[in-house]
Amino acid sequence: MATGTQSAYLRAARNFILFSGKRDFLFSLTLDDVKIFMHHHLKVLLQASQTINLKRTAIKFLYINILDIHWDDNKVCNVKNRKTVPVVLAMEEVAKLINTIDNPTYKTIAILMYSAGLRVSEAIKLKISDIDSKSMQLLITDGKGNKDRYAILSEKCLQALRAYYKMYKPTNYLFEGQRFNLYISKESVEGAITVAATKCGINKKVTPHTLRHAFATHLLQFDTNLYYIKQLLGHSSIRSTSRYLHTISFTNRNVKSPMDFNGSFQ
């Protein structure tokens, strides 16, 4: 599993065990303990269904693979996901956001995520050797699901990467952290983008992933084939990519009401 997934599983298992009150009696845990835990996070803490389902998966792993306790999916069901539309910024808002970031490192990372549609974890792990300026593409290794893929490298992004390289002279990871030979933290990028969004007056919930959403949406606005966008984003299924169709206004799709075509109305 990816490092982030491992950390999430550990956090969920630790929280569940503490919540159950059975820290010293783990083999007495039951499926009812899981249901009470999930109900508390859904109805009391009002957490999102995706968050609760991730915790459920982590606890299932704990029960089956670690404690060898019986598990039944029919008795501990996933919380039904609420279908949501991604928060998307207009092109002007993206430019405004990126231009507001003063720190060269975070600004370059933001440019990279928007121009190539990268996840923040993919952007911060980019190595100098992953940049192919001849083919104008980026090699994304160990992406979600441990998959490798190629992402597009824009001319403007290449210019930003070269300017950043001349400024900091990294040796391995492009965005080196404070510890030798390690990349910058995901949390620091999230903080920088959140601050920039507030500073420039964007009244939407903006995260690094918002730039990835904007990448896909803006490509659709320019009539890019959905299959190509799927490949660039590294989605396993076209169903994941098709959710961006809901972010496009009907005017951008050249769709009109049949009433506008009906000449019988005055």
Foldseek 3Di string as FASTA:
>chain_A
DDPVLVVLLVVLVVVLCVQLVCVVPVLVDDVVSLVVVLCCCCPPVVDALVSSQSSVVSVVCCCVVPNNHDDDCVSVDRDDHDDDAADADDPVLLVQLLVLQDDLLLSLLLVVCQVFLDDSVQSQQFWPVQQDPVVQWGWGALDVVRDIAITGHDPVSVVSLVVQCVVPVDDTGSACDPDPPHTHDQVVSQVSSQVSCVVSPPPDDDGSNNSSLNNLLVCVLVVDDLVVNCRSNVPPDSVVSCSSVVVDDVVSVVDDDVVVVDPVDD
